[in-house]
C-alpha atoms as a PDB file:
ATOM      1  CA  MET A   1      24.321  54.043 106.781  1.00  0.00           C
ATOM      2  CA  LYS A   2      27.584  54.020 104.847  1.00  0.00           C
ATOM      3  CA  TRP A   3      26.811  50.394 103.695  1.00  0.00           C
ATOM      4  CA  ILE A   4      23.662  51.431 101.732  1.00  0.00           C
ATOM      5  CA  GLY A   5      25.559  52.100  98.497  1.00  0.00           C
ATOM      6  CA  PRO A   6      27.369  48.800  98.109  1.00  0.00           C
ATOM      7  CA  ILE A   7      24.215  46.852  99.191  1.00  0.00           C
ATOM      8  CA  LEU A   8      22.183  48.735  96.633  1.00  0.00           C
ATOM      9  CA  VAL A   9      24.777  47.830  93.929  1.00  0.00           C
ATOM     10  CA  ILE A  10      24.663  44.207  94.905  1.00  0.00           C
ATOM     11  CA  ILE A  11      20.875  44.209  94.719  1.00  0.00           C
ATOM     12  CA  ILE A  12      20.931  45.935  91.300  1.00  0.00           C
ATOM     13  CA  ASN A  13      23.342  43.364  89.989  1.00  0.00           C
ATOM     14  CA  ILE A  14      21.339  40.440  91.203  1.00  0.00           C
ATOM     15  CA  ALA A  15      18.290  41.980  89.625  1.00  0.00           C
ATOM     16  CA  LEU A  16      19.916  42.578  86.383  1.00  0.00           C
ATOM     17  CA  PHE A  17      21.857  39.397  86.089  1.00  0.00           C
ATOM     18  CA  PRO A  18      18.980  37.352  84.446  1.00  0.00           C
ATOM     19  CA  LEU A  19      18.574  39.995  81.812  1.00  0.00           C
ATOM     20  CA  ALA A  20      22.299  40.164  81.176  1.00  0.00           C
ATOM     21  CA  LEU A  21      22.439  36.438  80.823  1.00  0.00           C
ATOM     22  CA  LEU A  22      19.687  36.554  78.220  1.00  0.00           C
ATOM     23  CA  ILE A  23      21.347  39.301  76.230  1.00  0.00           C
ATOM     24  CA  GLY A  24      24.623  37.376  76.419  1.00  0.00           C
ATOM     25  CA  VAL A  25      22.777  34.298  75.062  1.00  0.00           C
ATOM     26  CA  PHE A  26      21.179  36.333  72.316  1.00  0.00           C
ATOM     27  CA  ALA A  27      24.719  37.614  71.405  1.00  0.00           C
ATOM     28  CA  THR A  28      25.941  34.050  70.745  1.00  0.00           C
ATOM     29  CA  ASP A  29      23.070  33.208  68.439  1.00  0.00           C
ATOM     30  CA  SER A  30      25.087  33.716  65.299  1.00  0.00           C
ATOM     31  CA  PRO A  31      27.292  30.832  64.013  1.00  0.00           C
ATOM     32  CA  ASP A  32      30.530  32.693  64.149  1.00  0.00           C
ATOM     33  CA  SER A  33      30.160  33.999  67.763  1.00  0.00           C
ATOM     34  CA  THR A  34      32.516  33.238  70.475  1.00  0.00           C
ATOM     35  CA  ILE A  35      32.562  33.375  74.350  1.00  0.00           C
ATOM     36  CA  LEU A  36      33.804  36.979  73.892  1.00  0.00           C
ATOM     37  CA  SER A  37      30.359  37.842  72.336  1.00  0.00           C
ATOM     38  CA  PHE A  38      28.683  36.438  75.358  1.00  0.00           C
ATOM     39  CA  LEU A  39      30.755  38.464  77.751  1.00  0.00           C
ATOM     40  CA  PHE A  40      30.263  41.645  75.835  1.00  0.00           C
ATOM     41  CA  GLY A  41      26.577  41.104  75.841  1.00  0.00           C
ATOM     42  CA  MET A  42      26.577  40.615  79.668  1.00  0.00           C
ATOM     43  CA  ALA A  43      28.969  43.571  80.152  1.00  0.00           C
ATOM     44  CA  PHE A  44      26.597  45.700  78.005  1.00  0.00           C
ATOM     45  CA  ILE A  45      23.803  45.231  80.652  1.00  0.00           C
ATOM     46  CA  LEU A  46      25.824  44.985  83.818  1.00  0.00           C
ATOM     47  CA  GLY A  47      28.560  47.553  83.074  1.00  0.00           C
ATOM     48  CA  PRO A  48      26.637  50.863  83.125  1.00  0.00           C
ATOM     49  CA  PRO A  49      25.169  50.565  86.637  1.00  0.00           C
ATOM     50  CA  ASN A  50      28.512  49.528  88.034  1.00  0.00           C
ATOM     51  CA  LEU A  51      30.375  52.318  86.215  1.00  0.00           C
ATOM     52  CA  LEU A  52      27.874  54.863  87.510  1.00  0.00           C
ATOM     53  CA  PHE A  53      28.240  53.608  91.056  1.00  0.00           C
ATOM     54  CA  LEU A  54      32.078  53.857  90.732  1.00  0.00           C
ATOM     55  CA  ILE A  55      31.820  57.408  89.380  1.00  0.00           C
ATOM     56  CA  ILE A  56      29.508  58.564  92.189  1.00  0.00           C
ATOM     57  CA  TYR A  57      31.586  56.693  94.817  1.00  0.00           C
ATOM     58  CA  LEU A  58      34.912  58.210  93.754  1.00  0.00           C
ATOM     59  CA  GLY A  59      33.291  61.634  93.498  1.00  0.00           C
ATOM     60  CA  ILE A  60      31.983  61.342  97.085  1.00  0.00           C
ATOM     61  CA  LYS A  61      35.356  60.187  98.276  1.00  0.00           C
ATOM     62  CA  GLY A  62      37.098  62.998  96.518  1.00  0.00           C
ATOM     63  CA  ALA A  63      34.682  65.573  97.993  1.00  0.00           C
ATOM     64  CA  ASN A  64      35.282  64.197 101.463  1.00  0.00           C
ATOM     65  CA  LYS A  65      38.993  64.289 101.062  1.00  0.00           C
ATOM     66  CA  GLU A  66      39.018  67.906  99.849  1.00  0.00           C
ATOM     67  CA  SER A  67      36.715  69.109 102.751  1.00  0.00           C
ATOM     68  CA  THR A  68      38.960  67.662 105.407  1.00  0.00           C
ATOM     69  CA  PHE A  69      40.948  70.544 106.964  1.00  0.00           C
ATOM     70  CA  VAL A  70      44.054  69.778 108.847  1.00  0.00           C
ATOM     71  CA  PRO A  71      45.410  72.783 110.813  1.00  0.00           C
ATOM     72  CA  ASN A  72      49.005  73.768 110.509  1.00  0.00           C
ATOM     73  CA  ASN A  73      50.736  73.733 113.962  1.00  0.00           C
ATOM     74  CA  ASP A  74      53.784  75.805 112.833  1.00  0.00           C
END
């Protein structure tokens, strides 16, 4: 059950990749655009879901670390 998060992120990335590719191609439509414009266009679509997953994942990891109690044997 702990693999559901990463698998869900992979599925979301696969589903959003064609849209990100399309936005990246649209970003390079002007004559003065570079490959950096293409990458920014793709990151605009693929970045927020990955960033949201990272924030949630680190929050869960932090909550689990704080709730772990280690007794003192002194």
